[in-house]
Amino acid sequence: MAIFTSTDQQSNAPLKGGPATIIAQGTKIKGEIQISCHLHIDGEFEGNIHSKNTVMIGKSGIVKGDIYAQKLIVSGKFQGNTESNVVEIQPLGRIEGKVITPEFVIERKGIFVGESKIMQKDTQVDKK
């Protein structure tokens, strides 16, 4: 089940700072997402994500595809490529693929299998 919240229901948002879209655990979605609010994934998503904000893959979340975002936080599993201004792998989070970013953080017990490249400041993901 996907839950869409509006600005008047911010207390239920997984991330601070405004509205969020949540893909709940047990939900499987294939396709493409273009989003400007926070996106929190606890279910399974296959496809591409284009976000003007933060994409958070929760502990039970699994994403296969490409992610273009301001910030990507992975606590679950992500398989694919990402171009983001900030990429964080939380403890027990896993990324398999190619990461292009100027800021890459891997916390203790985070797993990264793949290739990373430093994104130049003049080519960062747009904040549109």
Protein backbone atom coordinates (compact mmCIF):
# COMPACT_ATOMS: atom_id res chain seq x y z
CA MET A 1 0.00 0.00 0.00
CA ALA A 2 1.29 3.47 -0.81
CA ILE A 3 0.46 6.35 1.49
CA PHE A 4 0.50 9.92 0.25
CA THR A 5 0.67 12.63 2.86
CA SER A 6 0.03 16.32 2.54
CA THR A 7 1.67 19.23 4.35
CA ASP A 8 -1.02 19.21 7.07
CA GLN A 9 -0.03 15.65 8.10
CA GLN A 10 3.68 16.23 8.56
CA SER A 11 3.80 14.45 11.93
CA ASN A 12 3.52 11.06 10.16
CA ALA A 13 6.28 11.82 7.64
CA PRO A 14 9.40 9.62 7.95
CA LEU A 15 11.69 12.56 7.19
CA LYS A 16 11.51 16.07 8.60
CA GLY A 17 10.86 19.03 6.37
CA GLY A 18 7.53 18.59 4.61
CA PRO A 19 5.31 16.11 2.84
CA ALA A 20 6.44 12.61 1.91
CA THR A 21 5.34 9.68 -0.19
CA ILE A 22 5.70 6.28 1.45
CA ILE A 23 5.83 2.92 -0.30
CA ALA A 24 4.91 0.64 2.59
CA GLN A 25 6.34 -2.78 3.42
CA GLY A 26 4.56 -5.51 1.46
CA THR A 27 4.00 -3.23 -1.55
CA LYS A 28 5.61 -4.03 -4.93
CA ILE A 29 5.71 -1.38 -7.65
CA LYS A 30 7.27 -1.34 -11.14
CA GLY A 31 7.58 1.82 -13.19
CA GLU A 32 9.04 5.30 -13.03
CA ILE A 33 8.64 7.90 -10.30
CA GLN A 34 9.13 11.64 -10.74
CA ILE A 35 8.71 13.35 -7.39
CA SER A 36 9.50 16.61 -5.64
CA CYS A 37 8.70 15.65 -2.03
CA HIS A 38 10.52 13.13 0.17
CA LEU A 39 10.18 9.47 -0.88
CA HIS A 40 10.45 6.67 1.71
CA ILE A 41 10.52 3.09 0.44
CA ASP A 42 9.92 0.16 2.80
CA GLY A 43 8.46 -2.09 0.09
CA GLU A 44 9.89 -3.14 -3.28
CA PHE A 45 10.33 -0.84 -6.26
CA GLU A 46 11.70 -1.68 -9.71
CA GLY A 47 12.36 1.15 -12.14
CA ASN A 48 13.78 4.67 -12.21
CA ILE A 49 13.33 7.43 -9.65
CA HIS A 50 13.84 11.12 -10.42
CA SER A 51 13.59 13.13 -7.21
CA LYS A 52 14.13 16.81 -6.43
CA ASN A 53 14.43 15.86 -2.77
CA THR A 54 15.49 12.97 -0.50
CA VAL A 55 14.97 9.30 -1.33
CA MET A 56 15.16 7.01 1.71
CA ILE A 57 15.27 3.23 1.31
CA GLY A 58 14.20 1.80 4.68
CA LYS A 59 15.53 -1.36 6.34
CA SER A 60 12.94 -3.56 4.59
CA GLY A 61 13.13 -1.61 1.30
CA ILE A 62 14.47 -3.07 -1.95
CA VAL A 63 15.04 -0.94 -5.05
CA LYS A 64 16.29 -2.11 -8.46
CA GLY A 65 16.88 0.59 -11.05
CA ASP A 66 18.40 4.05 -11.29
CA ILE A 67 17.98 6.90 -8.80
CA TYR A 68 18.60 10.57 -9.51
CA ALA A 69 18.08 12.61 -6.33
CA GLN A 70 19.33 15.42 -4.15
CA LYS A 71 20.04 12.92 -1.38
CA LEU A 72 19.91 9.12 -1.25
CA ILE A 73 19.89 7.31 2.10
CA VAL A 74 20.06 3.50 2.00
CA SER A 75 19.21 1.36 5.02
CA GLY A 76 17.86 -1.52 2.92
CA LYS A 77 19.03 -2.78 -0.48
CA PHE A 78 19.62 -0.80 -3.67
CA GLN A 79 20.80 -2.39 -6.90
CA GLY A 80 21.49 -0.01 -9.77
CA ASN A 81 23.07 3.34 -10.52
CA THR A 82 22.67 6.66 -8.76
CA GLU A 83 23.59 10.26 -9.43
CA SER A 84 22.88 12.22 -6.26
CA ASN A 85 24.38 15.20 -4.45
CA VAL A 86 24.71 13.13 -1.26
CA VAL A 87 24.70 9.32 -0.90
CA GLU A 88 24.63 7.67 2.54
CA ILE A 89 24.73 3.95 3.30
CA GLN A 90 23.42 3.33 6.81
CA PRO A 91 24.46 0.33 8.98
CA LEU A 92 23.38 -2.90 7.21
CA GLY A 93 22.37 -0.89 4.12
CA ARG A 94 23.66 -2.21 0.79
CA ILE A 95 24.34 -0.63 -2.60
CA GLU A 96 25.35 -2.71 -5.62
CA GLY A 97 26.14 -0.62 -8.68
CA LYS A 98 27.58 2.70 -9.75
CA VAL A 99 27.50 5.78 -7.53
CA ILE A 100 28.24 9.26 -8.89
CA THR A 101 28.26 11.90 -6.13
CA PRO A 102 30.41 14.64 -4.60
CA GLU A 103 29.60 13.36 -1.07
CA PHE A 104 29.60 9.60 -0.27
CA VAL A 105 29.17 8.33 3.31
CA ILE A 106 29.35 4.66 4.25
CA GLU A 107 28.61 4.02 7.91
CA ARG A 108 30.06 1.09 9.86
CA LYS A 109 28.54 -2.21 8.64
CA GLY A 110 27.24 -0.52 5.47
CA ILE A 111 28.01 -2.47 2.29
CA PHE A 112 29.04 -1.07 -1.09
CA VAL A 113 29.80 -3.32 -4.08
CA GLY A 114 30.52 -1.46 -7.28
CA GLU A 115 32.09 1.67 -8.68
CA SER A 116 32.08 5.23 -7.37
CA LYS A 117 32.94 8.46 -9.14
CA ILE A 118 33.23 11.98 -7.80
CA MET A 119 30.67 14.30 -9.36
CA GLN A 120 32.05 17.74 -10.17
CA LYS A 121 30.33 20.65 -8.40
CA ASP A 122 29.20 22.21 -11.70
CA THR A 123 27.35 19.01 -12.73
CA GLN A 124 25.39 18.35 -9.52
CA VAL A 125 21.78 17.19 -9.68
CA ASP A 126 19.51 20.21 -10.19
CA LYS A 127 17.61 21.56 -7.19
CA LYS A 128 14.65 22.54 -9.40
